[in-house]
Amino acid sequence: MKAILFDIDGTLILSGGAGSRALSQAFEKLFCLDNALDGIKPDGKTDPAIIREMCRKTLGRDCRAEELESLNKQYLSFLRREVPESPGYRVMPGIPELLKHLELKEGVIMGLATGNLEEGARIKLGRAGLNRYFRFGGFGSDCEDRVELTRIAISRSQEFIGQELKKQDIYIVGDTPFDIQSSTLLGTTSVAVATGSYSIAQLKEWQPDYLFPNFSDPEPFLNALSLIAN
């Protein structure tokens, strides 16, 4: 049995900036601050971590618990509007075909390991009809720390099938060094794909177990699954 845990932004889909716009609008509504996300690189970070960084940058302090709760609520409200209307939204190359192949592959389950709040993840995937492939996961709403939310995703995958998985049979798929680092620290198999903001060369520096330019041809990744002994 193998568990494939996917990141979302830059790996499965691109929202066309919908997430960034929704975050900026949430800050503008609550704090009357424009362009709060300027100068912050969100790639690979969890939503709560991004919001805290925005608070420190614009307010000069960390978010209070009630502020973080309000920002999350407003962000999701704006995201529900932004994602369906985003002209730059697109599914990454080969992803629909890859997911269909994996869905039919015996002994494989799929989940999410993403910094998105769970509701935000479902909103982003919903436009492309991809939610049906992912019945569990670890999310930014579970934990602000990327490694810990990935650990949660692994735990939920094992609960889902009712058995413990070998570390090498758990694949963490993502487009940033944060995904690779989380997988390495947890002893799982890392799969990097250069469809986000990091190049093949940049991702290679983090020594992932597998590295692909994209999933336009799903066969190399499907073949990689069989290379790891059960």
Protein backbone atom coordinates (compact mmCIF):
# COMPACT_ATOMS: atom_id res chain seq x y z
CA MET A 1 0.00 0.00 0.00
CA LYS A 2 1.26 3.45 -0.95
CA ALA A 3 0.03 6.91 0.10
CA ILE A 4 0.53 9.86 -2.25
CA LEU A 5 0.16 13.21 -0.46
CA PHE A 6 -0.08 16.26 -2.73
CA ASP A 7 0.55 19.93 -2.19
CA ILE A 8 -1.99 22.17 -3.98
CA ASP A 9 -0.70 25.56 -5.19
CA GLY A 10 1.85 25.12 -7.96
CA THR A 11 1.52 21.35 -7.80
CA LEU A 12 -2.10 20.53 -8.59
CA ILE A 13 -3.42 23.94 -9.62
CA LEU A 14 -2.60 27.62 -9.88
CA SER A 15 -5.32 29.90 -8.57
CA GLY A 16 -4.18 32.81 -10.75
CA GLY A 17 -3.43 34.93 -7.70
CA ALA A 18 -6.85 34.35 -6.13
CA GLY A 19 -5.34 33.42 -2.78
CA SER A 20 -3.07 36.46 -2.67
CA ARG A 21 -5.89 38.79 -3.63
CA ALA A 22 -8.17 37.28 -0.98
CA LEU A 23 -5.50 37.69 1.71
CA SER A 24 -4.85 41.31 0.73
CA GLN A 25 -8.57 42.07 0.74
CA ALA A 26 -8.96 40.53 4.20
CA PHE A 27 -6.21 42.79 5.57
CA GLU A 28 -7.66 45.81 3.85
CA LYS A 29 -11.09 45.16 5.33
CA LEU A 30 -9.93 44.54 8.89
CA PHE A 31 -6.98 46.95 9.15
CA CYS A 32 -7.54 49.42 6.27
CA LEU A 33 -4.11 48.48 4.92
CA ASP A 34 -3.38 48.22 1.19
CA ASN A 35 -0.90 45.80 -0.36
CA ALA A 36 -0.17 43.98 2.89
CA LEU A 37 1.27 41.02 0.98
CA ASP A 38 3.88 43.08 -0.89
CA GLY A 39 7.40 41.80 -0.29
CA ILE A 40 6.23 38.48 1.16
CA LYS A 41 6.86 35.23 -0.74
CA PRO A 42 4.00 32.87 0.14
CA ASP A 43 5.18 29.82 -1.83
CA GLY A 44 5.36 26.72 0.37
CA LYS A 45 4.26 28.50 3.54
CA THR A 46 1.10 27.75 5.49
CA ASP A 47 -1.77 30.24 5.42
CA PRO A 48 -1.45 31.02 9.15
CA ALA A 49 2.31 31.59 8.76
CA ILE A 50 1.71 33.95 5.84
CA ILE A 51 -0.89 35.90 7.80
CA ARG A 52 1.45 36.22 10.79
CA GLU A 53 4.21 37.47 8.50
CA MET A 54 1.80 40.03 7.03
CA CYS A 55 0.89 41.19 10.53
CA ARG A 56 4.50 41.61 11.58
CA LYS A 57 5.29 43.51 8.38
CA THR A 58 2.31 45.87 8.41
CA LEU A 59 1.43 46.15 12.12
CA GLY A 60 4.88 45.67 13.60
CA ARG A 61 3.64 42.86 15.85
CA ASP A 62 2.22 39.35 15.77
CA CYS A 63 -1.48 38.69 15.22
CA ARG A 64 -3.67 38.29 18.26
CA ALA A 65 -5.72 35.09 18.37
CA GLU A 66 -8.97 36.90 17.66
CA GLU A 67 -7.37 38.82 14.78
CA LEU A 68 -6.08 35.62 13.22
CA GLU A 69 -9.53 34.09 13.50
CA SER A 70 -11.14 37.13 11.87
CA LEU A 71 -8.53 37.24 9.10
CA ASN A 72 -9.06 33.54 8.34
CA LYS A 73 -12.81 34.09 8.14
CA GLN A 74 -12.52 37.12 5.87
CA TYR A 75 -9.88 35.44 3.71
CA LEU A 76 -12.15 32.45 3.06
CA SER A 77 -15.06 34.74 2.31
CA PHE A 78 -13.06 36.61 -0.33
CA LEU A 79 -11.55 33.37 -1.65
CA ARG A 80 -15.02 31.98 -2.41
CA ARG A 81 -15.51 34.93 -4.74
CA GLU A 82 -12.01 35.16 -6.16
CA VAL A 83 -11.43 31.54 -7.20
CA PRO A 84 -14.46 31.14 -9.52
CA GLU A 85 -13.74 34.51 -11.16
CA SER A 86 -9.95 34.18 -11.45
CA PRO A 87 -8.92 34.38 -15.15
CA GLY A 88 -5.51 32.90 -14.39
CA TYR A 89 -6.82 29.77 -12.69
CA ARG A 90 -5.55 26.56 -14.24
CA VAL A 91 -4.86 22.94 -13.50
CA MET A 92 -1.20 21.96 -13.77
CA PRO A 93 -0.08 19.98 -16.84
CA GLY A 94 -1.02 16.30 -16.73
CA ILE A 95 -2.65 16.43 -13.30
CA PRO A 96 -6.15 15.21 -14.35
CA GLU A 97 -4.62 12.25 -16.17
CA LEU A 98 -2.23 11.46 -13.33
CA LEU A 99 -4.97 11.50 -10.71
CA LYS A 100 -7.19 9.27 -12.84
CA HIS A 101 -4.34 6.78 -13.22
CA LEU A 102 -3.59 6.80 -9.50
CA GLU A 103 -7.27 6.42 -8.63
CA LEU A 104 -7.39 3.19 -10.61
CA LYS A 105 -4.08 1.87 -9.32
CA GLU A 106 -4.62 -0.87 -6.77
CA GLY A 107 -2.91 -0.33 -3.43
CA VAL A 108 -2.64 3.46 -3.80
CA ILE A 109 -4.45 6.13 -1.77
CA MET A 110 -4.27 9.88 -2.31
CA GLY A 111 -4.43 12.73 0.18
CA LEU A 112 -3.32 16.31 0.66
CA ALA A 113 -0.41 17.86 2.53
CA THR A 114 -0.94 21.58 2.06
CA GLY A 115 -0.45 24.85 3.87
CA ASN A 116 -3.93 25.94 2.83
CA LEU A 117 -6.68 26.13 5.40
CA GLU A 118 -8.82 23.06 4.76
CA GLU A 119 -11.80 25.08 3.56
CA GLY A 120 -9.52 27.14 1.33
CA ALA A 121 -8.04 23.96 -0.13
CA ARG A 122 -11.51 22.66 -0.97
CA ILE A 123 -12.48 25.98 -2.58
CA LYS A 124 -9.37 25.99 -4.77
CA LEU A 125 -9.73 22.36 -5.85
CA GLY A 126 -13.49 22.65 -6.27
CA ARG A 127 -13.33 24.79 -9.39
CA ALA A 128 -11.49 21.99 -11.22
CA GLY A 129 -13.58 19.19 -9.71
CA LEU A 130 -10.53 17.65 -8.01
CA ASN A 131 -11.86 17.30 -4.46
CA ARG A 132 -13.21 13.82 -5.12
CA TYR A 133 -9.69 12.41 -5.32
CA PHE A 134 -8.72 13.56 -1.81
CA ARG A 135 -10.76 12.30 1.13
CA PHE A 136 -8.21 13.22 3.81
CA GLY A 137 -5.15 15.35 4.37
CA GLY A 138 -3.13 17.65 6.57
CA PHE A 139 -3.82 21.38 6.30
CA GLY A 140 -2.64 24.77 7.50
CA SER A 141 -5.75 24.85 9.68
CA ASP A 142 -4.41 21.76 11.49
CA CYS A 143 -0.99 23.20 12.23
CA GLU A 144 1.00 26.24 11.22
CA ASP A 145 4.19 24.20 10.90
CA ARG A 146 4.65 22.49 7.52
CA VAL A 147 6.38 19.42 8.90
CA GLU A 148 3.71 18.84 11.54
CA LEU A 149 0.79 19.22 9.14
CA THR A 150 2.51 16.68 6.87
CA ARG A 151 2.85 14.35 9.85
CA ILE A 152 -0.89 14.81 10.46
CA ALA A 153 -1.58 13.96 6.80
CA ILE A 154 0.44 10.78 7.16
CA SER A 155 -1.42 9.83 10.34
CA ARG A 156 -4.77 10.38 8.64
CA SER A 157 -3.73 8.29 5.66
CA GLN A 158 -2.94 5.41 8.01
CA GLU A 159 -6.21 5.87 9.83
CA PHE A 160 -8.01 5.88 6.47
CA ILE A 161 -6.68 2.45 5.49
CA GLY A 162 -6.48 1.07 9.01
CA GLN A 163 -2.83 0.09 8.88
CA GLU A 164 0.63 1.54 9.35
CA LEU A 165 2.59 2.43 6.24
CA LYS A 166 6.29 2.05 5.66
CA LYS A 167 8.00 5.43 5.41
CA GLN A 168 9.31 4.72 1.90
CA ASP A 169 5.75 4.01 0.73
CA ILE A 170 4.59 7.52 1.63
CA TYR A 171 5.19 10.02 -1.18
CA ILE A 172 5.14 13.76 -0.50
CA VAL A 173 4.55 15.60 -3.79
CA GLY A 174 5.19 19.33 -4.00
CA ASP A 175 6.75 22.20 -5.91
CA THR A 176 8.81 23.93 -3.21
CA PRO A 177 11.83 23.19 -1.01
CA PHE A 178 9.43 23.22 1.97
CA ASP A 179 7.74 20.08 0.64
CA ILE A 180 11.06 18.34 0.08
CA GLN A 181 12.35 19.36 3.50
CA SER A 182 9.21 18.10 5.25
CA SER A 183 9.47 14.75 3.49
CA THR A 184 13.18 14.42 4.28
CA LEU A 185 12.68 15.23 7.97
CA LEU A 186 9.88 12.66 8.21
CA GLY A 187 11.82 9.98 6.34
CA THR A 188 9.31 9.64 3.52
CA THR A 189 9.81 9.65 -0.26
CA SER A 190 9.99 13.16 -1.70
CA VAL A 191 8.69 13.97 -5.17
CA ALA A 192 9.40 17.48 -6.47
CA VAL A 193 7.83 19.02 -9.55
CA ALA A 194 8.97 22.29 -11.13
CA THR A 195 5.54 23.68 -12.01
CA GLY A 196 5.59 26.37 -9.33
CA SER A 197 7.97 29.25 -8.76
CA TYR A 198 11.08 27.08 -8.22
CA SER A 199 13.14 25.78 -11.13
CA ILE A 200 14.46 22.26 -11.64
CA ALA A 201 17.93 23.49 -10.63
CA GLN A 202 16.65 25.13 -7.44
CA LEU A 203 14.67 22.07 -6.40
CA LYS A 204 17.56 19.74 -7.20
CA GLU A 205 19.69 21.49 -4.56
CA TRP A 206 17.32 20.05 -1.91
CA GLN A 207 17.98 16.50 -3.14
CA PRO A 208 14.46 15.14 -3.60
CA ASP A 209 14.12 11.41 -4.25
CA TYR A 210 12.37 12.18 -7.53
CA LEU A 211 12.31 15.37 -9.58
CA PHE A 212 10.09 16.09 -12.59
CA PRO A 213 9.70 19.19 -14.77
CA ASN A 214 5.94 18.54 -14.80
CA PHE A 215 3.45 15.68 -15.00
CA SER A 216 2.50 16.16 -18.65
CA ASP A 217 3.48 12.54 -19.11
CA PRO A 218 2.30 10.64 -16.02
CA GLU A 219 4.27 7.50 -16.86
CA PRO A 220 7.62 8.48 -15.24
CA PHE A 221 5.90 9.15 -11.93
CA LEU A 222 3.78 6.01 -12.17
CA ASN A 223 6.95 4.05 -12.87
CA ALA A 224 8.60 5.63 -9.85
CA LEU A 225 5.92 4.13 -7.62
CA SER A 226 6.97 0.65 -8.56
CA LEU A 227 10.66 1.36 -7.89
CA ILE A 228 10.11 1.49 -4.13
CA ALA A 229 9.98 -1.99 -2.63
CA ASN A 230 6.91 -2.92 -0.61
